[in-house]
Amino acid sequence: MRKNISITFIVSAALLLASCTQQKVPFSPVDYVNPLMGTESTYAFSHGNTYPAVAVPISAVVP
């Protein structure tokens, strides 16, 4: 009887610990994107100053 209780306890503890593992975070390429790249304006590099803006493509505006 005591052996059955011990086995039940060990199996229950193993299942509990197995279910508590951390989930793997899915890979997202968006994490590597820097939307502000190229927006720094300095006098040394005064060509091509850009700013982050959101807009629809031209073909979506023209009917």
N, C-alpha and C. Protein backbone atom coordinates (compact mmCIF):
# COMPACT_ATOMS: atom_id res chain seq x y z
N MET A 1 0.83 -1.20 0.00
CA MET A 1 0.00 0.00 0.00
C MET A 1 0.87 1.25 0.00
N ARG A 2 1.90 1.23 0.84
CA ARG A 2 2.77 2.39 0.94
C ARG A 2 3.54 2.61 -0.38
N LYS A 3 3.88 1.51 -1.05
CA LYS A 3 4.61 1.61 -2.31
C LYS A 3 3.73 2.26 -3.38
N ASN A 4 2.44 1.93 -3.41
CA ASN A 4 1.53 2.52 -4.39
C ASN A 4 1.38 4.02 -4.17
N ILE A 5 1.32 4.44 -2.92
CA ILE A 5 1.19 5.87 -2.62
C ILE A 5 2.46 6.61 -3.05
N SER A 6 3.61 6.00 -2.81
CA SER A 6 4.88 6.62 -3.21
C SER A 6 4.98 6.75 -4.72
N ILE A 7 4.60 5.71 -5.43
CA ILE A 7 4.65 5.75 -6.90
C ILE A 7 3.67 6.79 -7.43
N THR A 8 2.47 6.85 -6.86
CA THR A 8 1.48 7.84 -7.27
C THR A 8 1.99 9.26 -7.03
N PHE A 9 2.62 9.48 -5.89
CA PHE A 9 3.16 10.80 -5.58
C PHE A 9 4.28 11.19 -6.54
N ILE A 10 5.17 10.26 -6.84
CA ILE A 10 6.29 10.55 -7.74
C ILE A 10 5.80 10.84 -9.16
N VAL A 11 4.84 10.05 -9.63
CA VAL A 11 4.29 10.27 -10.97
C VAL A 11 3.56 11.61 -11.03
N SER A 12 2.79 11.92 -9.99
CA SER A 12 2.07 13.20 -9.96
C SER A 12 3.04 14.38 -9.93
N ALA A 13 4.10 14.27 -9.14
CA ALA A 13 5.09 15.35 -9.08
C ALA A 13 5.80 15.51 -10.42
N ALA A 14 6.11 14.41 -11.09
CA ALA A 14 6.78 14.49 -12.39
C ALA A 14 5.87 15.14 -13.43
N LEU A 15 4.60 14.80 -13.43
CA LEU A 15 3.66 15.42 -14.37
C LEU A 15 3.48 16.90 -14.08
N LEU A 16 3.44 17.25 -12.81
CA LEU A 16 3.30 18.66 -12.44
C LEU A 16 4.51 19.47 -12.89
N LEU A 17 5.69 18.94 -12.66
CA LEU A 17 6.90 19.65 -13.07
C LEU A 17 7.04 19.71 -14.59
N ALA A 18 6.60 18.69 -15.29
CA ALA A 18 6.69 18.69 -16.75
C ALA A 18 5.74 19.72 -17.37
N SER A 19 4.62 19.97 -16.71
CA SER A 19 3.65 20.93 -17.26
C SER A 19 4.02 22.37 -16.94
N CYS A 20 4.99 22.59 -16.06
CA CYS A 20 5.37 23.95 -15.66
C CYS A 20 6.54 24.50 -16.47
N THR A 21 6.96 23.83 -17.50
CA THR A 21 8.08 24.33 -18.29
C THR A 21 7.66 25.57 -19.06
N GLN A 22 8.62 26.43 -19.33
CA GLN A 22 8.32 27.67 -20.04
C GLN A 22 8.09 27.38 -21.51
N GLN A 23 7.16 28.13 -22.08
CA GLN A 23 6.88 27.99 -23.49
C GLN A 23 7.92 28.75 -24.30
N LYS A 24 8.26 28.23 -25.46
CA LYS A 24 9.23 28.87 -26.33
C LYS A 24 8.55 30.06 -27.01
N VAL A 25 9.24 31.20 -27.03
CA VAL A 25 8.70 32.39 -27.69
C VAL A 25 8.85 32.20 -29.19
N PRO A 26 7.77 32.38 -29.96
CA PRO A 26 7.87 32.19 -31.40
C PRO A 26 8.77 33.25 -32.04
N PHE A 27 9.47 32.86 -33.09
CA PHE A 27 10.38 33.75 -33.81
C PHE A 27 9.56 34.78 -34.58
N SER A 28 9.92 36.04 -34.45
CA SER A 28 9.24 37.10 -35.18
C SER A 28 10.29 38.00 -35.83
N PRO A 29 10.34 38.06 -37.16
CA PRO A 29 11.31 38.92 -37.83
C PRO A 29 11.06 40.41 -37.55
N VAL A 30 9.87 40.75 -37.11
CA VAL A 30 9.55 42.15 -36.82
C VAL A 30 10.41 42.68 -35.67
N ASP A 31 10.85 41.81 -34.79
CA ASP A 31 11.69 42.24 -33.68
C ASP A 31 13.03 42.81 -34.14
N TYR A 32 13.48 42.44 -35.34
CA TYR A 32 14.75 42.91 -35.85
C TYR A 32 14.64 44.20 -36.67
N VAL A 33 13.44 44.71 -36.87
CA VAL A 33 13.23 45.90 -37.70
C VAL A 33 13.35 47.15 -36.84
N ASN A 34 14.11 48.12 -37.31
CA ASN A 34 14.23 49.41 -36.65
C ASN A 34 13.54 50.45 -37.54
N PRO A 35 12.32 50.90 -37.20
CA PRO A 35 11.60 51.83 -38.06
C PRO A 35 12.21 53.23 -38.09
N LEU A 36 13.10 53.55 -37.17
CA LEU A 36 13.72 54.88 -37.14
C LEU A 36 15.09 54.91 -37.81
N MET A 37 15.48 53.87 -38.52
CA MET A 37 16.78 53.85 -39.16
C MET A 37 16.84 54.91 -40.26
N GLY A 38 17.87 55.72 -40.25
CA GLY A 38 18.05 56.75 -41.27
C GLY A 38 17.35 58.05 -40.95
N THR A 39 16.79 58.22 -39.77
CA THR A 39 16.06 59.44 -39.45
C THR A 39 16.90 60.45 -38.68
N GLU A 40 18.14 60.12 -38.33
CA GLU A 40 18.96 61.05 -37.58
C GLU A 40 19.51 62.11 -38.52
N SER A 41 19.26 63.36 -38.23
CA SER A 41 19.70 64.46 -39.07
C SER A 41 20.88 65.18 -38.41
N THR A 42 22.01 65.15 -39.06
CA THR A 42 23.18 65.89 -38.59
C THR A 42 23.71 66.74 -39.73
N TYR A 43 24.51 67.74 -39.40
CA TYR A 43 25.06 68.61 -40.44
C TYR A 43 26.08 67.88 -41.30
N ALA A 44 26.78 66.92 -40.73
CA ALA A 44 27.78 66.18 -41.49
C ALA A 44 27.12 65.32 -42.58
N PHE A 45 25.98 64.74 -42.27
CA PHE A 45 25.26 63.92 -43.24
C PHE A 45 23.92 64.59 -43.54
N SER A 46 23.95 65.66 -44.30
CA SER A 46 22.72 66.42 -44.52
C SER A 46 21.95 65.95 -45.74
N HIS A 47 22.40 64.90 -46.42
CA HIS A 47 21.69 64.42 -47.61
C HIS A 47 20.77 63.26 -47.24
N GLY A 48 19.59 63.29 -47.74
CA GLY A 48 18.67 62.18 -47.55
C GLY A 48 18.05 62.09 -46.18
N ASN A 49 17.78 63.23 -45.55
CA ASN A 49 17.12 63.19 -44.25
C ASN A 49 15.71 62.65 -44.43
N THR A 50 15.41 61.60 -43.74
CA THR A 50 14.09 60.99 -43.85
C THR A 50 13.37 61.08 -42.52
N TYR A 51 12.08 60.88 -42.56
CA TYR A 51 11.28 60.87 -41.34
C TYR A 51 10.32 59.68 -41.40
N PRO A 52 10.02 59.09 -40.26
CA PRO A 52 9.10 57.96 -40.27
C PRO A 52 7.67 58.45 -40.46
N ALA A 53 7.01 57.94 -41.47
CA ALA A 53 5.63 58.34 -41.74
C ALA A 53 4.86 57.11 -42.23
N VAL A 54 3.58 57.15 -42.02
CA VAL A 54 2.71 56.06 -42.47
C VAL A 54 1.82 56.60 -43.57
N ALA A 55 1.78 55.91 -44.69
CA ALA A 55 0.95 56.34 -45.81
C ALA A 55 0.57 55.11 -46.63
N VAL A 56 -0.49 55.28 -47.41
CA VAL A 56 -0.90 54.21 -48.32
C VAL A 56 -0.10 54.36 -49.61
N PRO A 57 0.08 53.28 -50.34
CA PRO A 57 0.78 53.40 -51.63
C PRO A 57 0.00 54.28 -52.60
N ILE A 58 0.70 54.87 -53.56
CA ILE A 58 0.06 55.78 -54.52
C ILE A 58 -1.03 55.06 -55.30
N SER A 59 -0.80 53.82 -55.65
CA SER A 59 -1.81 53.09 -56.43
C SER A 59 -3.09 52.86 -55.64
N ALA A 60 -3.04 52.94 -54.31
CA ALA A 60 -4.25 52.78 -53.51
C ALA A 60 -5.03 54.08 -53.42
N VAL A 61 -4.39 55.22 -53.71
CA VAL A 61 -5.06 56.52 -53.62
C VAL A 61 -5.76 56.85 -54.93
N VAL A 62 -5.10 56.60 -56.04
CA VAL A 62 -5.65 56.94 -57.36
C VAL A 62 -6.71 55.91 -57.73
N PRO A 63 -7.92 56.36 -58.09
CA PRO A 63 -8.96 55.38 -58.46
C PRO A 63 -8.74 54.73 -59.80
